């Protein structure tokens, strides 16, 4: 045995105890550092203020872009895309700019707190219907209902890549007969800083009333769906994303018209039971034939609103036991149609365009409180962002409220460029635009003031 080992064995018990005590203390400290006193309570992501926004407007065939915000920003610019050519124009961030861009598409970038917004408006060829639509930002998923793939009812996806790297999307389709086995529906590529139009008929031919699901796979791609008809029923619209399938949807923009039909799509694998509640002049009721409607899995169905539901402006609440998509096709004449889509509850600010590249059209706001009465304030501004009129109205849960922006008592100024809407409790709303027998419906959505920041926790 070595001398070193002999010396170690001769350590007496007391010495070992004396050494052990500080070692145990050190071990506890180390365990406390590694394990900690317990995992911190999860707090979830926090809201952060946005200082930058980007959106893409589909402008082909007669539309123009308009740009603004609830309050002045720092910078604003629009990049118009025509073919492979692009032109960037600096805008005044303290002004409302109508007709800010034309071409195939426009990318709008704004800096500064205050929620930048952009809209596309005009008469869209070949259907020559009226269009007023918000320009979408980048989203992981977009859902549309009401598209067509026939020669006389044609729809196209307009994909715009706002980044400097290649983007791509996948597409899924459903029709009245079930899921559609589309052609080349995956890996649709959009080059950096370019826009690409994909006719739905390239994916599937000869189907009306199609539900479309677009999934962004890579890059920063925005999606719009342009719908036109040149059949007996003419018209055109840029469909807003209807939001993801849901068991509860509020459609506040069912405008007055002689013909209105509810479109329901069930992209799931289980039959959905759907009930349609209509908000009339003084109460909620279920129109005849719209209680416990069965929507087979993977299908789209169309249900005309019965004559007893009337022809006046109204709102619908759609409830179901399985997530579904729902829109209402509103047909005011044989010259145009529009889609009332789901509108999320808001408190504001919501920017509603009045002066656009197609001129000044003062819409009627249709408003419905979410679950309790709300006071809604609508303030009008001219192009220099100066207030020129306002009104406040009470909005109920069972009675559709309206604000007519052509009301001379509240909005007498001839120079209204846009209005900003606020509410003291959550409400749903749609702006109803009419020019003669042409119609467009714009769901009211809050300007992007905040976003969810990442949920970052310390770790080792």
Protein backbone atom coordinates (compact mmCIF):
# COMPACT_ATOMS: atom_id res chain seq x y z
CA UNK A 1 0.00 0.00 0.00
CA UNK A 2 1.30 3.40 -0.86
CA UNK A 3 2.17 5.87 1.83
CA UNK A 4 -0.47 8.29 0.44
CA UNK A 5 -3.28 5.72 0.89
CA UNK A 6 -2.11 4.88 4.39
CA UNK A 7 -2.29 8.51 5.41
CA UNK A 8 -5.84 8.80 3.99
CA UNK A 9 -7.01 5.80 6.04
CA UNK A 10 -5.66 7.32 9.21
CA UNK A 11 -8.04 10.27 8.98
CA UNK A 12 -10.15 10.07 12.10
CA UNK A 13 -13.96 10.19 12.14
CA UNK A 14 -14.14 13.69 13.58
CA UNK A 15 -12.09 15.08 10.73
CA UNK A 16 -14.45 13.45 8.23
CA UNK A 17 -17.46 15.04 9.93
CA UNK A 18 -15.81 18.42 9.88
CA UNK A 19 -15.19 18.09 6.16
CA UNK A 20 -18.64 16.74 5.40
CA UNK A 21 -20.63 19.68 6.79
CA UNK A 22 -19.31 22.36 4.43
CA UNK A 23 -19.51 19.93 1.49
CA UNK A 24 -23.19 19.33 2.16
CA UNK A 25 -23.74 23.10 2.25
CA UNK A 26 -21.97 23.53 -1.05
CA UNK A 27 -24.02 20.70 -2.58
CA UNK A 28 -27.28 22.31 -1.48
CA UNK A 29 -26.23 25.62 -3.01
CA UNK A 30 -25.36 23.90 -6.30
CA UNK A 31 -28.67 22.02 -6.33
CA UNK A 32 -30.47 25.28 -5.63
CA UNK A 33 -28.76 26.97 -8.56
CA UNK A 34 -29.41 24.12 -10.99
CA UNK A 35 -32.95 23.23 -9.94
CA UNK A 36 -33.99 26.53 -8.39
CA UNK A 37 -36.74 27.03 -5.88
CA UNK A 38 -39.28 25.79 -8.49
CA UNK A 39 -40.25 26.64 -12.01
CA UNK A 40 -41.59 30.22 -12.30
CA UNK A 41 -45.31 30.58 -12.93
CA UNK A 42 -45.96 30.86 -16.66
CA UNK A 43 -47.02 34.37 -17.61
CA UNK A 44 -47.58 33.91 -21.34
CA UNK A 45 -46.51 36.36 -24.05
CA UNK A 46 -46.93 40.05 -23.32
CA UNK A 47 -48.32 42.75 -25.58
CA UNK A 48 -45.79 45.09 -27.14
CA UNK A 49 -46.42 48.29 -29.08
CA UNK A 50 -45.91 48.08 -32.83
CA UNK A 51 -43.66 50.67 -34.44
CA UNK A 52 -43.70 49.19 -37.95
CA UNK A 53 -46.35 47.75 -40.25
CA UNK A 54 -46.40 46.25 -43.73
CA UNK A 55 -49.35 45.28 -45.91
CA UNK A 56 -49.89 44.33 -49.55
CA UNK A 57 -52.78 45.57 -51.70
CA UNK A 58 -54.10 43.69 -54.77
CA UNK A 59 -54.47 46.42 -57.40
CA UNK A 60 -54.83 44.73 -60.76
CA UNK A 61 -57.76 45.50 -63.07
CA UNK A 62 -58.76 48.93 -61.84
CA UNK A 63 -58.06 49.16 -58.09
CA UNK A 64 -55.93 51.77 -56.31
CA UNK A 65 -54.38 51.87 -52.83
CA UNK A 66 -55.13 54.38 -50.06
CA UNK A 67 -52.89 54.76 -47.00
CA UNK A 68 -53.42 56.23 -43.55
CA UNK A 69 -53.40 55.64 -39.78
CA UNK A 70 -55.31 56.75 -36.66
CA UNK A 71 -52.58 59.26 -35.81
CA UNK A 72 -49.47 60.68 -37.45
CA UNK A 73 -46.50 58.37 -37.92
CA UNK A 74 -42.80 58.73 -38.68
CA UNK A 75 -42.42 57.42 -42.24
CA UNK A 76 -44.67 55.98 -44.93
CA UNK A 77 -43.89 54.53 -48.35
CA UNK A 78 -45.63 52.56 -51.07
CA UNK A 79 -43.89 50.23 -53.51
CA UNK A 80 -45.97 49.52 -56.60
CA UNK A 81 -45.37 46.28 -58.51
CA UNK A 82 -46.09 45.98 -62.23
CA UNK A 83 -44.80 42.78 -63.77
CA UNK A 84 -41.21 42.48 -62.56
CA UNK A 85 -40.85 46.26 -62.22
CA UNK A 86 -41.20 48.10 -58.90
CA UNK A 87 -41.35 51.77 -57.96
CA UNK A 88 -41.15 53.14 -54.40
CA UNK A 89 -42.74 56.47 -53.46
CA UNK A 90 -42.33 58.21 -50.12
CA UNK A 91 -45.61 59.41 -48.58
CA UNK A 92 -46.35 62.04 -45.95
CA UNK A 93 -46.97 60.09 -42.70
CA UNK A 94 -49.07 62.97 -41.34
CA UNK A 95 -51.61 62.81 -44.19
CA UNK A 96 -54.30 60.49 -45.52
CA UNK A 97 -53.21 59.54 -49.06
CA UNK A 98 -55.90 58.43 -51.48
CA UNK A 99 -54.84 56.80 -54.76
CA UNK A 100 -51.38 56.16 -53.34
CA UNK A 101 -50.54 53.50 -55.89
CA UNK A 102 -51.68 51.55 -58.96
CA UNK A 103 -50.30 48.52 -60.78
CA UNK A 104 -50.53 44.78 -60.08
CA UNK A 105 -50.00 45.21 -56.35
CA UNK A 106 -48.66 47.68 -53.81
CA UNK A 107 -46.56 47.03 -50.72
CA UNK A 108 -47.21 49.64 -48.02
CA UNK A 109 -44.68 50.15 -45.24
CA UNK A 110 -45.26 52.54 -42.33
CA UNK A 111 -43.13 53.42 -39.31
CA UNK A 112 -44.16 54.91 -35.98
CA UNK A 113 -46.65 54.09 -33.26
CA UNK A 114 -50.25 54.54 -34.30
CA UNK A 115 -51.30 51.58 -36.43
CA UNK A 116 -50.73 51.95 -40.16
CA UNK A 117 -53.55 50.78 -42.47
CA UNK A 118 -54.04 50.48 -46.22
CA UNK A 119 -57.05 49.80 -48.44
CA UNK A 120 -57.69 48.86 -52.06
CA UNK A 121 -60.77 50.33 -53.74
CA UNK A 122 -62.37 50.87 -57.13
CA UNK A 123 -64.43 49.04 -59.74
CA UNK A 124 -62.80 45.72 -60.45
CA UNK A 125 -62.85 44.36 -64.00
CA UNK A 126 -64.08 42.15 -65.58
CA UNK A 127 -67.14 42.00 -63.33
CA UNK A 128 -67.00 45.79 -62.78
CA UNK A 129 -68.29 45.50 -59.24
CA UNK A 130 -67.49 47.90 -56.42
CA UNK A 131 -64.56 46.94 -54.16
CA UNK A 132 -63.42 48.44 -50.87
CA UNK A 133 -61.13 46.07 -48.99
CA UNK A 134 -58.40 46.23 -46.38
CA UNK A 135 -54.92 45.26 -47.55
CA UNK A 136 -53.73 42.15 -45.68
CA UNK A 137 -50.54 41.79 -43.73
CA UNK A 138 -48.50 38.59 -43.46
CA UNK A 139 -50.49 35.74 -41.88
CA UNK A 140 -49.69 32.09 -41.26
CA UNK A 141 -53.11 31.01 -42.52
CA UNK A 142 -55.91 32.56 -44.59
CA UNK A 143 -59.41 31.14 -45.15
CA UNK A 144 -61.88 32.12 -47.89
CA UNK A 145 -65.38 30.96 -48.76
CA UNK A 146 -67.36 31.65 -51.96
CA UNK A 147 -64.66 31.24 -54.60
CA UNK A 148 -65.47 29.87 -58.05
CA UNK A 149 -63.46 27.90 -60.59
CA UNK A 150 -65.74 28.08 -63.63
CA UNK A 151 -65.31 30.22 -66.74
CA UNK A 152 -68.11 32.64 -65.77
CA UNK A 153 -67.39 32.65 -62.02
CA UNK A 154 -63.62 32.86 -61.60
CA UNK A 155 -61.48 33.47 -58.53
CA UNK A 156 -57.76 34.04 -58.19
CA UNK A 157 -55.32 34.09 -55.32
CA UNK A 158 -53.09 37.17 -55.31
CA UNK A 159 -49.88 36.30 -53.46
CA UNK A 160 -47.39 39.07 -52.65
CA UNK A 161 -43.97 38.46 -51.12
CA UNK A 162 -43.01 41.50 -49.02
CA UNK A 163 -39.58 40.10 -48.07
CA UNK A 164 -36.27 39.73 -49.89
CA UNK A 165 -36.23 35.91 -49.65
CA UNK A 166 -38.28 33.34 -51.56
CA UNK A 167 -41.72 32.57 -50.10
CA UNK A 168 -44.14 29.72 -50.68
CA UNK A 169 -47.68 28.64 -49.75
CA UNK A 170 -49.81 25.50 -49.81
CA UNK A 171 -53.49 25.52 -50.76
CA UNK A 172 -56.42 23.25 -49.77
CA UNK A 173 -59.88 23.31 -51.38
CA UNK A 174 -63.36 22.05 -50.44
CA UNK A 175 -66.55 22.12 -52.53
CA UNK A 176 -70.18 20.98 -52.34
CA UNK A 177 -69.14 17.39 -53.15
CA UNK A 178 -66.34 17.27 -50.58
CA UNK A 179 -62.57 17.89 -50.44
CA UNK A 180 -61.08 18.76 -53.83
CA UNK A 181 -57.97 16.93 -54.96
CA UNK A 182 -56.28 20.03 -56.37
CA UNK A 183 -53.43 20.05 -58.89
CA UNK A 184 -50.06 21.50 -57.83
CA UNK A 185 -51.55 22.88 -54.62
CA UNK A 186 -48.32 22.60 -52.59
CA UNK A 187 -45.13 24.61 -52.80
CA UNK A 188 -46.53 27.55 -54.76
CA UNK A 189 -43.49 29.84 -54.95
CA UNK A 190 -43.49 33.64 -54.84
CA UNK A 191 -40.22 35.37 -55.67
CA UNK A 192 -38.81 38.09 -53.36
CA UNK A 193 -40.57 41.44 -53.73
CA UNK A 194 -42.93 40.08 -56.38
CA UNK A 195 -46.65 39.39 -56.71
CA UNK A 196 -48.14 36.26 -58.27
CA UNK A 197 -51.72 35.60 -59.38
CA UNK A 198 -52.91 31.98 -59.22
CA UNK A 199 -56.33 31.26 -60.80
CA UNK A 200 -58.23 28.76 -58.66
CA UNK A 201 -59.18 27.07 -61.94
CA UNK A 202 -55.50 26.10 -62.30
CA UNK A 203 -55.99 23.98 -59.17
CA UNK A 204 -59.51 22.67 -59.76
CA UNK A 205 -61.96 23.25 -62.64
CA UNK A 206 -65.72 23.70 -62.81
CA UNK A 207 -66.70 24.09 -59.14
CA UNK A 208 -68.73 26.93 -57.63
CA UNK A 209 -68.79 27.96 -53.96
CA UNK A 210 -65.35 26.72 -52.99
CA UNK A 211 -63.68 27.06 -49.59
CA UNK A 212 -59.97 27.90 -49.79
CA UNK A 213 -57.29 27.46 -47.13
CA UNK A 214 -53.88 29.05 -47.75
CA UNK A 215 -50.98 28.12 -45.48
CA UNK A 216 -47.77 30.15 -45.55
CA UNK A 217 -44.89 27.67 -45.55
CA UNK A 218 -41.94 30.07 -45.76
CA UNK A 219 -41.15 33.71 -46.39
CA UNK A 220 -43.38 36.73 -45.78
CA UNK A 221 -46.30 36.21 -48.19
CA UNK A 222 -49.65 38.03 -48.04
CA UNK A 223 -52.81 36.57 -49.55
CA UNK A 224 -55.92 38.07 -51.15
CA UNK A 225 -58.70 36.38 -53.12
CA UNK A 226 -60.23 38.19 -56.10
CA UNK A 227 -63.67 36.94 -57.17
CA UNK A 228 -65.40 37.96 -60.42
CA UNK A 229 -68.56 36.91 -62.25
CA UNK A 230 -69.65 37.61 -65.82
CA UNK A 231 -72.67 35.31 -65.89
CA UNK A 232 -76.32 36.33 -65.43
CA UNK A 233 -75.18 37.61 -62.05
CA UNK A 234 -72.27 39.95 -62.74
CA UNK A 235 -69.98 41.69 -60.27
CA UNK A 236 -66.68 41.41 -58.50
CA UNK A 237 -65.22 41.44 -55.00
CA UNK A 238 -61.95 41.00 -53.16
CA UNK A 239 -62.87 38.52 -50.45
CA UNK A 240 -61.55 39.18 -46.99
CA UNK A 241 -60.18 36.23 -45.07
CA UNK A 242 -63.12 34.84 -43.11
CA UNK A 243 -60.92 33.91 -40.15
CA UNK A 244 -60.24 30.33 -39.14
CA UNK A 245 -63.15 27.88 -38.72
CA UNK A 246 -65.03 28.61 -35.52
CA UNK A 247 -67.97 27.41 -33.44
CA UNK A 248 -69.17 31.02 -33.00
CA UNK A 249 -69.10 33.71 -35.70
CA UNK A 250 -70.77 37.13 -35.87
CA UNK A 251 -71.64 38.53 -39.32
CA UNK A 252 -72.78 42.14 -38.74
CA UNK A 253 -72.70 43.25 -42.38
CA UNK A 254 -75.68 41.50 -43.95
CA UNK A 255 -76.74 44.50 -46.01
CA UNK A 256 -80.23 45.21 -47.24
CA UNK A 257 -80.89 43.27 -50.44
CA UNK A 258 -83.56 41.12 -52.06
CA UNK A 259 -81.34 38.03 -52.26
CA UNK A 260 -79.02 36.80 -49.50
CA UNK A 261 -77.55 33.34 -49.00
CA UNK A 262 -75.59 31.79 -46.14
CA UNK A 263 -72.53 29.78 -47.20
CA UNK A 264 -71.23 27.21 -44.71
CA UNK A 265 -68.06 25.11 -45.07
CA UNK A 266 -67.03 22.26 -42.80
CA UNK A 267 -63.36 21.44 -43.42
CA UNK A 268 -63.28 18.93 -40.57
CA UNK A 269 -63.81 15.17 -40.51
CA UNK A 270 -67.04 15.18 -38.43
CA UNK A 271 -70.51 16.39 -39.44
CA UNK A 272 -71.29 19.86 -38.01
CA UNK A 273 -74.66 20.96 -36.64
CA UNK A 274 -75.14 24.68 -37.29
CA UNK A 275 -77.78 27.16 -36.10
CA UNK A 276 -78.23 30.63 -37.61
CA UNK A 277 -79.58 33.40 -35.37
CA UNK A 278 -80.74 36.60 -37.05
CA UNK A 279 -80.74 39.96 -35.31
CA UNK A 280 -83.82 41.83 -36.42
CA UNK A 281 -85.17 45.25 -35.56
CA UNK A 282 -85.93 44.34 -31.96
CA UNK A 283 -84.84 40.76 -31.12
CA UNK A 284 -82.90 37.66 -32.06
CA UNK A 285 -84.71 34.83 -33.87
CA UNK A 286 -83.89 31.73 -35.87
CA UNK A 287 -85.13 31.95 -39.49
CA UNK A 288 -87.21 29.03 -40.67
CA UNK A 289 -85.07 26.13 -41.83
CA UNK A 290 -81.84 27.45 -40.28
CA UNK A 291 -82.01 25.61 -36.95
CA UNK A 292 -79.73 22.56 -36.47
CA UNK A 293 -78.54 22.51 -40.10
CA UNK A 294 -76.34 19.49 -40.87
CA UNK A 295 -73.12 20.25 -42.76
CA UNK A 296 -71.39 17.01 -43.82
CA UNK A 297 -67.67 16.70 -43.17
CA UNK A 298 -65.47 18.26 -45.83
CA UNK A 299 -68.30 19.99 -47.72
CA UNK A 300 -69.74 23.41 -48.60
CA UNK A 301 -73.50 24.11 -48.53
CA UNK A 302 -75.54 27.18 -49.55
CA UNK A 303 -78.72 28.20 -47.68
CA UNK A 304 -80.86 31.07 -48.99
CA UNK A 305 -82.25 33.29 -46.25
CA UNK A 306 -86.02 32.65 -46.29
CA UNK A 307 -88.45 35.42 -47.32
CA UNK A 308 -89.66 35.71 -43.71
CA UNK A 309 -86.20 36.99 -42.73
CA UNK A 310 -86.96 40.19 -44.65
CA UNK A 311 -84.77 42.31 -46.88
CA UNK A 312 -83.61 44.97 -44.40
CA UNK A 313 -80.07 45.30 -43.05
CA UNK A 314 -79.41 42.69 -40.39
CA UNK A 315 -76.75 40.61 -38.65
CA UNK A 316 -76.29 36.88 -38.17
CA UNK A 317 -74.77 34.87 -35.34
CA UNK A 318 -73.58 31.43 -36.45
CA UNK A 319 -73.13 28.73 -33.78
CA UNK A 320 -72.10 25.12 -34.32
CA UNK A 321 -70.79 22.09 -32.47
CA UNK A 322 -67.84 21.76 -34.86
CA UNK A 323 -65.69 24.58 -36.31
CA UNK A 324 -67.09 25.88 -39.61
CA UNK A 325 -66.53 28.76 -42.02
CA UNK A 326 -69.48 31.06 -42.70
CA UNK A 327 -70.17 34.05 -44.97
CA UNK A 328 -73.29 35.62 -46.49
CA UNK A 329 -73.44 36.40 -50.19
CA UNK A 330 -75.45 39.61 -50.61
CA UNK A 331 -76.88 40.34 -54.08
CA UNK A 332 -78.40 43.84 -54.43
CA UNK A 333 -78.84 43.60 -58.22
CA UNK A 334 -77.70 41.67 -61.27
CA UNK A 335 -74.74 44.05 -61.53
CA UNK A 336 -72.84 43.22 -58.33
CA UNK A 337 -72.55 41.07 -55.23
CA UNK A 338 -70.64 41.25 -51.96
CA UNK A 339 -69.74 38.98 -49.05
CA UNK A 340 -70.54 39.66 -45.41
CA UNK A 341 -67.74 38.01 -43.45
CA UNK A 342 -67.11 37.40 -39.79
CA UNK A 343 -65.98 40.49 -37.92
CA UNK A 344 -64.03 40.12 -34.66
CA UNK A 345 -65.13 42.19 -31.68
CA UNK A 346 -63.26 45.49 -31.29
CA UNK A 347 -63.02 48.51 -29.03
CA UNK A 348 -60.84 50.53 -31.40
CA UNK A 349 -59.33 52.32 -33.03
CA UNK A 350 -60.81 51.19 -36.34
CA UNK A 351 -60.04 53.21 -39.47
CA UNK A 352 -62.78 53.32 -42.12
CA UNK A 353 -61.86 54.80 -45.52
CA UNK A 354 -64.09 57.42 -47.17
CA UNK A 355 -61.83 59.11 -49.74
CA UNK A 356 -60.24 56.48 -51.98
CA UNK A 357 -58.83 56.35 -55.46
CA UNK A 358 -62.34 55.70 -56.76
CA UNK A 359 -63.64 58.94 -55.24
CA UNK A 360 -65.49 59.67 -52.02
CA UNK A 361 -68.08 57.12 -50.89
CA UNK A 362 -69.59 57.58 -47.43
CA UNK A 363 -70.63 54.18 -46.10
CA UNK A 364 -73.19 53.18 -43.49
CA UNK A 365 -71.69 51.42 -40.46
CA UNK A 366 -73.64 48.40 -39.21
CA UNK A 367 -72.79 47.72 -35.55
CA UNK A 368 -73.72 45.02 -33.03
CA UNK A 369 -72.58 44.80 -29.41
CA UNK A 370 -70.79 41.61 -28.42
CA UNK A 371 -72.62 40.77 -25.20
CA UNK A 372 -73.61 44.04 -23.54
CA UNK A 373 -74.71 47.49 -24.68
CA UNK A 374 -71.88 49.72 -25.91
CA UNK A 375 -71.37 53.39 -26.68
CA UNK A 376 -69.68 53.84 -30.04
CA UNK A 377 -67.96 57.09 -31.08
CA UNK A 378 -67.28 57.81 -34.75
CA UNK A 379 -64.95 60.73 -35.46
CA UNK A 380 -64.35 62.07 -38.96
CA UNK A 381 -61.05 63.50 -40.25
CA UNK A 382 -59.96 65.27 -43.40
CA UNK A 383 -56.84 64.37 -45.37
CA UNK A 384 -54.64 66.47 -43.05
CA UNK A 385 -55.80 64.32 -40.08
CA UNK A 386 -57.86 67.23 -38.66
CA UNK A 387 -61.13 66.28 -36.94
CA UNK A 388 -64.17 67.60 -38.85
CA UNK A 389 -67.13 65.97 -37.06
CA UNK A 390 -68.22 63.18 -34.73
CA UNK A 391 -71.20 61.32 -33.32
CA UNK A 392 -71.83 58.83 -30.49
CA UNK A 393 -74.49 56.12 -30.63
CA UNK A 394 -75.68 53.36 -28.34
CA UNK A 395 -75.41 49.85 -29.76
CA UNK A 396 -77.30 46.85 -28.37
CA UNK A 397 -76.72 43.11 -28.34
CA UNK A 398 -80.00 42.18 -30.08
CA UNK A 399 -80.65 45.29 -32.18
CA UNK A 400 -78.45 46.23 -35.10
CA UNK A 401 -77.19 49.81 -34.79
CA UNK A 402 -76.25 52.01 -37.75
CA UNK A 403 -74.23 55.17 -38.35
CA UNK A 404 -74.68 56.87 -41.71
CA UNK A 405 -71.51 58.76 -42.62
CA UNK A 406 -73.57 60.82 -45.05
CA UNK A 407 -75.58 62.26 -42.14
CA UNK A 408 -75.15 66.05 -42.48
CA UNK A 409 -75.85 66.68 -38.80
CA UNK A 410 -72.84 64.68 -37.66
CA UNK A 411 -70.55 64.85 -40.69
CA UNK A 412 -71.35 68.11 -42.46
CA UNK A 413 -67.82 68.71 -43.75
CA UNK A 414 -67.36 67.90 -47.45
CA UNK A 415 -63.75 66.96 -46.76
CA UNK A 416 -64.11 63.69 -44.82
CA UNK A 417 -61.23 61.41 -45.83
CA UNK A 418 -61.70 58.69 -43.21
CA UNK A 419 -63.30 58.05 -39.83
CA UNK A 420 -61.98 56.43 -36.66
CA UNK A 421 -64.31 54.27 -34.58
CA UNK A 422 -64.03 53.65 -30.81
CA UNK A 423 -66.29 51.70 -28.42
CA UNK A 424 -66.44 51.47 -24.62
CA UNK A 425 -67.32 47.75 -24.85
CA UNK A 426 -66.60 45.15 -27.56
CA UNK A 427 -68.68 45.50 -30.73
CA UNK A 428 -68.74 43.94 -34.20
CA UNK A 429 -69.09 46.07 -37.30
CA UNK A 430 -69.11 46.33 -41.08
CA UNK A 431 -68.97 49.34 -43.41
CA UNK A 432 -71.55 49.11 -46.21
CA UNK A 433 -70.53 50.96 -49.40
CA UNK A 434 -73.05 51.60 -52.19
CA UNK A 435 -72.71 53.34 -55.56
CA UNK A 436 -75.99 53.08 -57.49
CA UNK A 437 -76.65 49.33 -57.56
CA UNK A 438 -73.06 48.37 -56.74
CA UNK A 439 -72.14 47.11 -53.26
CA UNK A 440 -69.06 46.36 -51.17
CA UNK A 441 -68.78 45.27 -47.53
CA UNK A 442 -65.75 45.98 -45.34
CA UNK A 443 -65.47 44.18 -41.98
CA UNK A 444 -64.26 46.59 -39.29
CA UNK A 445 -60.93 45.50 -37.78
CA UNK A 446 -58.75 47.34 -35.26
CA UNK A 447 -55.68 49.14 -36.55
CA UNK A 448 -52.55 47.16 -35.58
CA UNK A 449 -51.32 48.99 -32.46
CA UNK A 450 -49.90 46.04 -30.51
CA UNK A 451 -48.71 42.48 -31.01
CA UNK A 452 -47.83 39.57 -28.76
CA UNK A 453 -44.14 39.57 -27.90
CA UNK A 454 -42.16 36.36 -27.29
CA UNK A 455 -42.51 34.69 -23.89
CA UNK A 456 -38.84 34.66 -22.80
CA UNK A 457 -37.85 33.12 -19.44
CA UNK A 458 -34.35 32.84 -17.91
CA UNK A 459 -32.74 29.43 -18.14
CA UNK A 460 -29.39 27.66 -18.07
